[in-house]
Amino acid sequence: MATHAGGLTAAPPRAVRVRDLYRGFGDRVVLDGLDLRIAAGEFVALLGRSGSGKSTLLRALAGLDRAGEGTGLVEVPRNLAVVFQDARLLPWQRVLANVVLGRSGPDATERGRAALREVGLAGRERAWPKELSGGEQQRVALARALVSEPELLLADEPFGALDALTRIRMHGLLRDLCARHRPAVLLVTHDVDEAVTLADRVLVLDAGRVALDQTIDLPTTRSHRQPRFLAYRERLLAALGVDETGGQT
């Protein structure tokens, strides 16, 4: 198995395993003996209050947590991709060049064009990032993430900066893309409805541990008016310490 930066290791393809993971910064413990498994093709959403360790866990899976101190086992697929809230496009590169950034070979350009078609941006290959809306920039970021057919997709609040209508459209796009490509997914979000809309399982992180591991037993097409959707929403809000009026419990 290959070794990640920070001592993390790559597991057999399409599986995620975390065992007894501790991460801290000085005297502050952020992840406190956390255990996690994500199956091949499984979509997991991660909820938690600010400071609960969500982004620290994502960085640990991505091999980006060099600044902290910690121990534990983290096994991830070799081929993974990360999407952030900021699309992080290079402003001096056109859209297609951003999608195939770091990739070479005779099929790189065609794979990039195909990825743009999948996210609804065919014909925008030569556009500059500044010419795109926020939603379109995130579509480019998704195309860049999926062009390599990752076995694990890590998404850190990728729709948090978008308006409500664009966010709903992006939910449908992400759901369709994941159904087609079947990566394992870990989505970090603050939005309970987003988590229930997209995920097979929702985890609630509290004080560096998984406080709730909730399987979402709903059809692929989901409505906020479904009784079970509302029941899951209520249970997750309660685990987050929030009542239906938005107050703390």
Protein backbone atom coordinates (compact mmCIF):
# COMPACT_ATOMS: atom_id res chain seq x y z
CA MET A 1 0.00 0.00 0.00
CA ALA A 2 1.21 3.50 -0.78
CA THR A 3 1.70 6.04 1.99
CA HIS A 4 -0.20 9.31 2.28
CA ALA A 5 1.40 12.49 3.61
CA GLY A 6 1.13 12.49 7.38
CA GLY A 7 1.41 8.72 7.65
CA LEU A 8 -1.94 7.88 6.08
CA THR A 9 -2.13 4.78 3.91
CA ALA A 10 -4.03 3.87 0.78
CA ALA A 11 -6.35 0.89 1.17
CA PRO A 12 -7.65 -1.48 -1.48
CA PRO A 13 -9.68 0.50 -4.02
CA ARG A 14 -13.12 1.93 -3.28
CA ALA A 15 -13.12 1.55 0.50
CA VAL A 16 -12.62 3.94 3.41
CA ARG A 17 -11.66 2.84 6.91
CA VAL A 18 -10.83 5.08 9.86
CA ARG A 19 -9.98 3.59 13.24
CA ASP A 20 -9.21 5.26 16.57
CA LEU A 21 -8.36 8.58 14.90
CA TYR A 22 -7.04 11.38 17.10
CA ARG A 23 -6.22 14.82 15.76
CA GLY A 24 -5.32 17.83 17.85
CA PHE A 25 -3.85 21.31 17.72
CA GLY A 26 -1.86 22.12 20.82
CA ASP A 27 -3.99 21.28 23.86
CA ARG A 28 -7.20 21.13 21.81
CA VAL A 29 -8.45 17.69 20.77
CA VAL A 30 -10.46 17.92 17.55
CA LEU A 31 -10.99 14.24 16.68
CA ASP A 32 -11.19 11.97 19.71
CA GLY A 33 -10.80 8.29 18.83
CA LEU A 34 -13.08 8.44 15.79
CA ASP A 35 -14.07 5.30 13.86
CA LEU A 36 -15.62 5.39 10.38
CA ARG A 37 -16.28 3.11 7.43
CA ILE A 38 -17.57 4.15 4.02
CA ALA A 39 -18.40 1.37 1.58
CA ALA A 40 -17.67 1.46 -2.14
CA GLY A 41 -20.21 3.69 -3.86
CA GLU A 42 -21.77 4.84 -0.58
CA PHE A 43 -22.79 8.49 -0.15
CA VAL A 44 -22.20 9.73 3.41
CA ALA A 45 -23.02 13.24 4.64
CA LEU A 46 -21.28 14.68 7.70
CA LEU A 47 -23.05 17.19 9.94
CA GLY A 48 -21.82 18.93 13.07
CA ARG A 49 -21.59 22.27 14.78
CA SER A 50 -18.70 24.58 13.93
CA GLY A 51 -15.54 23.22 15.53
CA SER A 52 -16.83 19.66 15.80
CA GLY A 53 -14.05 18.31 13.56
CA LYS A 54 -15.81 17.93 10.18
CA SER A 55 -13.18 19.66 8.06
CA THR A 56 -10.37 18.10 10.09
CA LEU A 57 -11.73 14.64 9.25
CA LEU A 58 -12.03 15.52 5.58
CA ARG A 59 -8.45 16.82 5.52
CA ALA A 60 -7.27 13.62 7.22
CA LEU A 61 -8.92 11.52 4.51
CA ALA A 62 -7.43 13.74 1.81
CA GLY A 63 -3.94 13.62 3.36
CA LEU A 64 -3.95 17.40 3.91
CA ASP A 65 -3.72 17.58 7.72
CA ARG A 66 0.03 18.06 8.13
CA ALA A 67 -0.34 20.98 10.54
CA GLY A 68 -1.98 18.99 13.35
CA GLU A 69 -0.82 16.24 15.64
CA GLY A 70 -2.47 12.86 15.89
CA THR A 71 -2.57 9.10 15.67
CA GLY A 72 -4.84 6.43 14.27
CA LEU A 73 -5.44 4.46 11.10
CA VAL A 74 -6.81 6.13 7.97
CA GLU A 75 -7.17 4.00 4.84
CA VAL A 76 -8.51 5.52 1.64
CA PRO A 77 -8.56 4.62 -2.06
CA ARG A 78 -5.55 5.67 -4.09
CA ASN A 79 -7.67 7.65 -6.55
CA LEU A 80 -9.54 10.42 -4.73
CA ALA A 81 -10.69 13.95 -5.51
CA VAL A 82 -11.66 16.95 -3.37
CA VAL A 83 -14.22 19.69 -4.06
CA PHE A 84 -14.25 22.78 -1.84
CA GLN A 85 -16.78 25.56 -1.22
CA ASP A 86 -14.59 27.80 -3.35
CA ALA A 87 -14.31 26.34 -6.85
CA ARG A 88 -10.57 27.18 -6.81
CA LEU A 89 -10.27 27.64 -10.55
CA LEU A 90 -7.10 29.17 -11.96
CA PRO A 91 -8.22 32.55 -13.36
CA TRP A 92 -5.45 32.58 -15.98
CA GLN A 93 -6.56 29.24 -17.44
CA ARG A 94 -9.64 28.62 -19.58
CA VAL A 95 -12.35 26.23 -18.42
CA LEU A 96 -11.10 23.13 -20.24
CA ALA A 97 -7.55 23.71 -19.03
CA ASN A 98 -8.86 23.93 -15.46
CA VAL A 99 -10.70 20.63 -15.83
CA VAL A 100 -7.67 18.70 -17.13
CA LEU A 101 -5.17 20.47 -14.87
CA GLY A 102 -2.28 18.13 -14.07
CA ARG A 103 -3.44 15.49 -16.53
CA SER A 104 -1.64 14.43 -19.68
CA GLY A 105 -1.96 11.86 -22.41
CA PRO A 106 -3.70 11.74 -25.75
CA ASP A 107 -7.17 11.36 -24.22
CA ALA A 108 -6.92 14.08 -21.56
CA THR A 109 -8.61 16.76 -23.68
CA GLU A 110 -11.45 14.50 -24.77
CA ARG A 111 -12.01 13.30 -21.19
CA GLY A 112 -12.17 16.93 -20.11
CA ARG A 113 -14.71 17.75 -22.82
CA ALA A 114 -16.79 14.73 -21.83
CA ALA A 115 -16.73 15.80 -18.18
CA LEU A 116 -17.92 19.28 -19.13
CA ARG A 117 -20.76 17.76 -21.15
CA GLU A 118 -21.79 15.76 -18.10
CA VAL A 119 -22.08 18.88 -15.94
CA GLY A 120 -23.98 20.80 -18.61
CA LEU A 121 -21.16 23.05 -19.80
CA ALA A 122 -20.57 21.78 -23.33
CA GLY A 123 -19.45 24.69 -25.48
CA ARG A 124 -17.89 26.60 -22.58
CA GLU A 125 -14.45 24.99 -22.90
CA ARG A 126 -12.71 28.24 -23.88
CA ALA A 127 -14.53 30.50 -21.41
CA TRP A 128 -12.56 32.21 -18.65
CA PRO A 129 -13.58 31.46 -15.03
CA LYS A 130 -14.57 35.11 -14.49
CA GLU A 131 -17.18 34.72 -17.25
CA LEU A 132 -19.01 31.98 -15.29
CA SER A 133 -21.60 32.27 -12.55
CA GLY A 134 -20.90 30.77 -9.13
CA GLY A 135 -22.94 27.69 -9.98
CA GLU A 136 -21.14 27.25 -13.28
CA GLN A 137 -17.77 27.51 -11.54
CA GLN A 138 -18.80 24.74 -9.15
CA ARG A 139 -19.86 22.65 -12.16
CA VAL A 140 -16.33 23.07 -13.52
CA ALA A 141 -14.94 22.02 -10.12
CA LEU A 142 -17.13 18.88 -10.22
CA ALA A 143 -15.97 18.12 -13.76
CA ARG A 144 -12.35 18.50 -12.65
CA ALA A 145 -12.97 16.16 -9.71
CA LEU A 146 -14.74 13.48 -11.75
CA VAL A 147 -12.56 13.51 -14.86
CA SER A 148 -10.20 11.02 -13.20
CA GLU A 149 -13.05 8.67 -12.19
CA PRO A 150 -12.19 8.90 -8.45
CA GLU A 151 -12.99 6.04 -6.12
CA LEU A 152 -13.53 8.58 -3.32
CA LEU A 153 -15.01 12.07 -3.66
CA LEU A 154 -14.53 14.42 -0.71
CA ALA A 155 -16.75 17.51 -0.77
CA ASP A 156 -16.32 20.29 1.81
CA GLU A 157 -19.52 22.38 1.72
CA PRO A 158 -19.37 22.68 -2.08
CA PHE A 159 -22.73 24.46 -2.35
CA GLY A 160 -22.55 26.66 0.74
CA ALA A 161 -21.90 29.88 -1.21
CA LEU A 162 -24.65 29.35 -3.79
CA ASP A 163 -28.16 30.80 -3.78
CA ALA A 164 -31.03 28.49 -2.85
CA LEU A 165 -32.27 27.79 -6.40
CA THR A 166 -28.78 27.08 -7.75
CA ARG A 167 -28.09 24.84 -4.76
CA ILE A 168 -31.19 22.73 -5.52
CA ARG A 169 -30.06 22.32 -9.12
CA MET A 170 -26.57 21.34 -7.98
CA HIS A 171 -28.06 18.72 -5.65
CA GLY A 172 -29.71 17.04 -8.63
CA LEU A 173 -26.53 17.25 -10.68
CA LEU A 174 -24.36 15.76 -7.93
CA ARG A 175 -26.85 12.97 -7.29
CA ASP A 176 -26.94 12.08 -11.00
CA LEU A 177 -23.15 12.22 -11.36
CA CYS A 178 -22.59 10.01 -8.33
CA ALA A 179 -25.17 7.49 -9.58
CA ARG A 180 -23.31 7.35 -12.89
CA HIS A 181 -19.71 7.21 -11.60
CA ARG A 182 -20.33 5.47 -8.25
CA PRO A 183 -17.54 6.92 -6.13
CA ALA A 184 -17.69 6.68 -2.37
CA VAL A 185 -18.61 10.19 -1.18
CA LEU A 186 -18.09 12.13 2.03
CA LEU A 187 -20.01 15.41 1.95
CA VAL A 188 -19.35 17.92 4.73
CA THR A 189 -22.33 20.23 5.17
CA HIS A 190 -24.16 22.42 7.68
CA ASP A 191 -27.47 21.90 5.86
CA VAL A 192 -29.62 19.11 7.34
CA ASP A 193 -32.02 19.11 4.38
CA GLU A 194 -29.08 18.83 1.97
CA ALA A 195 -27.76 15.84 3.91
CA VAL A 196 -31.10 14.00 3.88
CA THR A 197 -31.69 14.87 0.21
CA LEU A 198 -28.41 13.40 -1.00
CA ALA A 199 -26.99 10.82 1.38
CA ASP A 200 -27.33 7.10 2.02
CA ARG A 201 -26.12 7.74 5.58
CA VAL A 202 -25.80 10.88 7.67
CA LEU A 203 -23.27 11.18 10.49
CA VAL A 204 -23.46 13.79 13.23
CA LEU A 205 -20.07 14.70 14.66
CA ASP A 206 -19.90 16.05 18.20
CA ALA A 207 -16.75 16.75 20.19
CA GLY A 208 -14.65 14.77 17.72
CA ARG A 209 -16.77 11.61 17.82
CA VAL A 210 -19.69 10.24 15.80
CA ALA A 211 -22.73 11.00 17.95
CA LEU A 212 -25.26 9.63 15.46
CA ASP A 213 -24.95 7.32 12.44
CA GLN A 214 -28.28 7.50 10.61
CA THR A 215 -29.13 5.39 7.57
CA ILE A 216 -31.45 7.27 5.20
CA ASP A 217 -34.02 4.82 3.86
CA LEU A 218 -35.68 6.91 1.16
CA PRO A 219 -36.13 6.55 -2.61
CA THR A 220 -33.64 8.24 -4.92
CA THR A 221 -36.15 11.00 -5.72
CA ARG A 222 -36.88 12.70 -2.40
CA SER A 223 -39.31 15.37 -1.27
CA HIS A 224 -39.04 17.55 1.82
CA ARG A 225 -42.75 16.81 2.37
CA GLN A 226 -42.27 13.05 2.75
CA PRO A 227 -43.09 11.99 6.34
CA ARG A 228 -39.89 9.95 6.65
CA PHE A 229 -37.85 12.89 5.30
CA LEU A 230 -39.33 15.08 8.01
CA ALA A 231 -38.70 12.41 10.65
CA TYR A 232 -35.02 12.10 9.66
CA ARG A 233 -34.71 15.90 9.65
CA GLU A 234 -36.16 16.13 13.16
CA ARG A 235 -33.87 13.41 14.50
CA LEU A 236 -30.75 15.00 12.99
CA LEU A 237 -31.66 18.45 14.29
CA ALA A 238 -32.15 16.96 17.75
CA ALA A 239 -28.71 15.32 17.55
CA LEU A 240 -27.28 18.73 16.64
CA GLY A 241 -29.02 20.28 19.64
CA VAL A 242 -31.39 22.39 17.54
CA ASP A 243 -35.18 22.43 17.78
CA GLU A 244 -37.53 23.02 14.84
CA THR A 245 -37.66 26.78 15.50
CA GLY A 246 -33.88 27.01 15.12
CA GLY A 247 -33.18 27.44 18.82
CA GLN A 248 -30.77 25.44 20.93
CA THR A 249 -32.10 22.49 22.91
